[in-house]
Amino acid sequence: MDLGRAYAQRRHGGEALAHLLETEKMAPELIDTHVAARNAIRELILISGRAASPELKAFAERADAQP
């Protein structure tokens, strides 16, 4: 999760999403309960804007991290 957050802070959306999705697979409760993880997902959505992938949009919805 920390790698995903770091990539999000550096605006490396693909890497950030990949690491955060891996975290969700391994420990979904971590994404659900960690405010910083949800903030990183929200940031990815905001950075991507209308170009946000369906995968990212679905992830944000699952994590309750929509802007």
N, C-alpha and C. Protein backbone atom coordinates (compact mmCIF):
# COMPACT_ATOMS: atom_id res chain seq x y z
N MET A 1 0.83 -1.18 0.00
CA MET A 1 0.00 0.00 0.00
C MET A 1 0.87 1.25 0.00
N ASP A 2 1.95 1.22 0.75
CA ASP A 2 2.81 2.39 0.82
C ASP A 2 3.44 2.71 -0.54
N LEU A 3 3.81 1.67 -1.28
CA LEU A 3 4.34 1.91 -2.63
C LEU A 3 3.29 2.57 -3.52
N GLY A 4 2.08 2.09 -3.44
CA GLY A 4 1.00 2.68 -4.22
C GLY A 4 0.78 4.14 -3.88
N ARG A 5 0.82 4.44 -2.60
CA ARG A 5 0.66 5.84 -2.16
C ARG A 5 1.82 6.69 -2.65
N ALA A 6 3.02 6.15 -2.58
CA ALA A 6 4.20 6.91 -3.04
C ALA A 6 4.11 7.20 -4.53
N TYR A 7 3.71 6.19 -5.31
CA TYR A 7 3.56 6.41 -6.75
C TYR A 7 2.47 7.44 -7.03
N ALA A 8 1.41 7.40 -6.27
CA ALA A 8 0.33 8.38 -6.46
C ALA A 8 0.83 9.79 -6.17
N GLN A 9 1.64 9.94 -5.13
CA GLN A 9 2.18 11.26 -4.80
C GLN A 9 3.08 11.78 -5.91
N ARG A 10 3.75 10.87 -6.61
CA ARG A 10 4.63 11.27 -7.71
C ARG A 10 3.89 11.32 -9.05
N ARG A 11 2.58 11.08 -8.98
CA ARG A 11 1.71 11.13 -10.16
C ARG A 11 2.07 10.08 -11.22
N HIS A 12 2.43 8.91 -10.72
CA HIS A 12 2.67 7.75 -11.59
C HIS A 12 1.44 6.84 -11.44
N GLY A 13 0.40 7.21 -12.17
CA GLY A 13 -0.90 6.58 -11.99
C GLY A 13 -0.93 5.08 -12.21
N GLY A 14 -0.29 4.61 -13.26
CA GLY A 14 -0.32 3.18 -13.56
C GLY A 14 0.30 2.34 -12.46
N GLU A 15 1.48 2.75 -12.01
CA GLU A 15 2.16 2.02 -10.95
C GLU A 15 1.39 2.11 -9.64
N ALA A 16 0.86 3.29 -9.35
CA ALA A 16 0.08 3.48 -8.13
C ALA A 16 -1.13 2.56 -8.11
N LEU A 17 -1.86 2.54 -9.22
CA LEU A 17 -3.05 1.70 -9.29
C LEU A 17 -2.68 0.23 -9.15
N ALA A 18 -1.62 -0.19 -9.82
CA ALA A 18 -1.21 -1.60 -9.75
C ALA A 18 -0.90 -2.02 -8.31
N HIS A 19 -0.17 -1.19 -7.58
CA HIS A 19 0.19 -1.55 -6.20
C HIS A 19 -1.02 -1.49 -5.27
N LEU A 20 -1.88 -0.52 -5.47
CA LEU A 20 -3.07 -0.43 -4.63
C LEU A 20 -4.03 -1.58 -4.90
N LEU A 21 -4.15 -1.99 -6.15
CA LEU A 21 -5.00 -3.15 -6.46
C LEU A 21 -4.41 -4.43 -5.87
N GLU A 22 -3.10 -4.54 -5.89
CA GLU A 22 -2.45 -5.70 -5.28
C GLU A 22 -2.71 -5.72 -3.77
N THR A 23 -2.67 -4.56 -3.16
CA THR A 23 -3.00 -4.46 -1.74
C THR A 23 -4.43 -4.91 -1.49
N GLU A 24 -5.34 -4.50 -2.36
CA GLU A 24 -6.73 -4.89 -2.20
C GLU A 24 -6.88 -6.41 -2.28
N LYS A 25 -6.14 -7.04 -3.18
CA LYS A 25 -6.22 -8.51 -3.30
C LYS A 25 -5.70 -9.19 -2.04
N MET A 26 -4.60 -8.67 -1.51
CA MET A 26 -3.96 -9.31 -0.36
C MET A 26 -4.64 -8.99 0.96
N ALA A 27 -5.11 -7.76 1.10
CA ALA A 27 -5.72 -7.32 2.37
C ALA A 27 -6.78 -6.26 2.11
N PRO A 28 -7.94 -6.68 1.62
CA PRO A 28 -8.99 -5.70 1.28
C PRO A 28 -9.39 -4.80 2.45
N GLU A 29 -9.30 -5.32 3.64
CA GLU A 29 -9.68 -4.51 4.81
C GLU A 29 -8.74 -3.33 5.00
N LEU A 30 -7.52 -3.45 4.53
CA LEU A 30 -6.57 -2.34 4.64
C LEU A 30 -7.01 -1.16 3.80
N ILE A 31 -7.48 -1.43 2.59
CA ILE A 31 -7.97 -0.36 1.72
C ILE A 31 -9.24 0.25 2.33
N ASP A 32 -10.08 -0.60 2.88
CA ASP A 32 -11.36 -0.13 3.43
C ASP A 32 -11.19 0.73 4.68
N THR A 33 -10.14 0.47 5.46
CA THR A 33 -10.01 1.16 6.75
C THR A 33 -8.93 2.23 6.77
N HIS A 34 -8.07 2.27 5.78
CA HIS A 34 -6.94 3.20 5.80
C HIS A 34 -7.28 4.48 5.03
N VAL A 35 -7.37 5.57 5.75
CA VAL A 35 -7.75 6.85 5.15
C VAL A 35 -6.76 7.27 4.07
N ALA A 36 -5.48 7.06 4.31
CA ALA A 36 -4.46 7.47 3.34
C ALA A 36 -4.58 6.69 2.04
N ALA A 37 -4.96 5.43 2.12
CA ALA A 37 -5.15 4.63 0.90
C ALA A 37 -6.32 5.18 0.10
N ARG A 38 -7.40 5.48 0.76
CA ARG A 38 -8.56 6.04 0.06
C ARG A 38 -8.24 7.42 -0.51
N ASN A 39 -7.45 8.20 0.20
CA ASN A 39 -7.04 9.50 -0.33
C ASN A 39 -6.18 9.35 -1.58
N ALA A 40 -5.32 8.35 -1.60
CA ALA A 40 -4.48 8.10 -2.78
C ALA A 40 -5.35 7.71 -3.97
N ILE A 41 -6.34 6.88 -3.75
CA ILE A 41 -7.24 6.47 -4.82
C ILE A 41 -8.03 7.69 -5.33
N ARG A 42 -8.50 8.48 -4.41
CA ARG A 42 -9.23 9.71 -4.77
C ARG A 42 -8.34 10.64 -5.59
N GLU A 43 -7.09 10.76 -5.19
CA GLU A 43 -6.13 11.59 -5.92
C GLU A 43 -5.93 11.07 -7.34
N LEU A 44 -5.85 9.75 -7.50
CA LEU A 44 -5.69 9.17 -8.83
C LEU A 44 -6.89 9.51 -9.72
N ILE A 45 -8.07 9.46 -9.15
CA ILE A 45 -9.28 9.81 -9.90
C ILE A 45 -9.22 11.27 -10.33
N LEU A 46 -8.84 12.14 -9.41
CA LEU A 46 -8.78 13.57 -9.71
C LEU A 46 -7.72 13.88 -10.76
N ILE A 47 -6.58 13.23 -10.67
CA ILE A 47 -5.50 13.43 -11.65
C ILE A 47 -5.95 12.97 -13.03
N SER A 48 -6.61 11.83 -13.07
CA SER A 48 -7.01 11.23 -14.35
C SER A 48 -8.16 12.00 -15.00
N GLY A 49 -9.02 12.56 -14.18
CA GLY A 49 -10.17 13.28 -14.71
C GLY A 49 -11.06 12.38 -15.54
N ARG A 50 -11.48 12.88 -16.70
CA ARG A 50 -12.38 12.11 -17.56
C ARG A 50 -11.69 10.89 -18.17
N ALA A 51 -10.36 10.88 -18.16
CA ALA A 51 -9.61 9.77 -18.74
C ALA A 51 -9.41 8.61 -17.76
N ALA A 52 -10.01 8.70 -16.58
CA ALA A 52 -9.87 7.62 -15.60
C ALA A 52 -10.39 6.31 -16.19
N SER A 53 -9.61 5.27 -16.00
CA SER A 53 -9.97 3.97 -16.56
C SER A 53 -11.18 3.39 -15.82
N PRO A 54 -11.92 2.52 -16.48
CA PRO A 54 -13.03 1.85 -15.79
C PRO A 54 -12.56 1.08 -14.57
N GLU A 55 -11.35 0.52 -14.66
CA GLU A 55 -10.79 -0.24 -13.53
C GLU A 55 -10.58 0.68 -12.33
N LEU A 56 -10.04 1.87 -12.57
CA LEU A 56 -9.82 2.83 -11.49
C LEU A 56 -11.15 3.32 -10.93
N LYS A 57 -12.10 3.60 -11.78
CA LYS A 57 -13.41 4.05 -11.31
C LYS A 57 -14.09 2.99 -10.45
N ALA A 58 -14.02 1.74 -10.88
CA ALA A 58 -14.62 0.64 -10.10
C ALA A 58 -13.91 0.48 -8.76
N PHE A 59 -12.59 0.61 -8.77
CA PHE A 59 -11.81 0.51 -7.55
C PHE A 59 -12.20 1.62 -6.58
N ALA A 60 -12.31 2.84 -7.07
CA ALA A 60 -12.71 3.97 -6.23
C ALA A 60 -14.09 3.74 -5.64
N GLU A 61 -14.97 3.18 -6.42
CA GLU A 61 -16.32 2.90 -5.91
C GLU A 61 -16.28 1.84 -4.81
N ARG A 62 -15.51 0.76 -5.04
CA ARG A 62 -15.40 -0.30 -4.03
C ARG A 62 -14.80 0.24 -2.74
N ALA A 63 -13.84 1.14 -2.85
CA ALA A 63 -13.13 1.66 -1.69
C ALA A 63 -13.84 2.85 -1.06
N ASP A 64 -14.95 3.27 -1.63
CA ASP A 64 -15.66 4.46 -1.18
C ASP A 64 -14.72 5.65 -1.19
N ALA A 65 -14.02 5.81 -2.32
CA ALA A 65 -13.01 6.87 -2.44
C ALA A 65 -13.27 7.76 -3.64
N GLN A 66 -14.52 7.92 -3.98
CA GLN A 66 -14.85 8.79 -5.10
C GLN A 66 -14.78 10.23 -4.65
N PRO A 67 -14.29 11.11 -5.54
CA PRO A 67 -14.20 12.53 -5.15
C PRO A 67 -15.56 13.17 -4.98
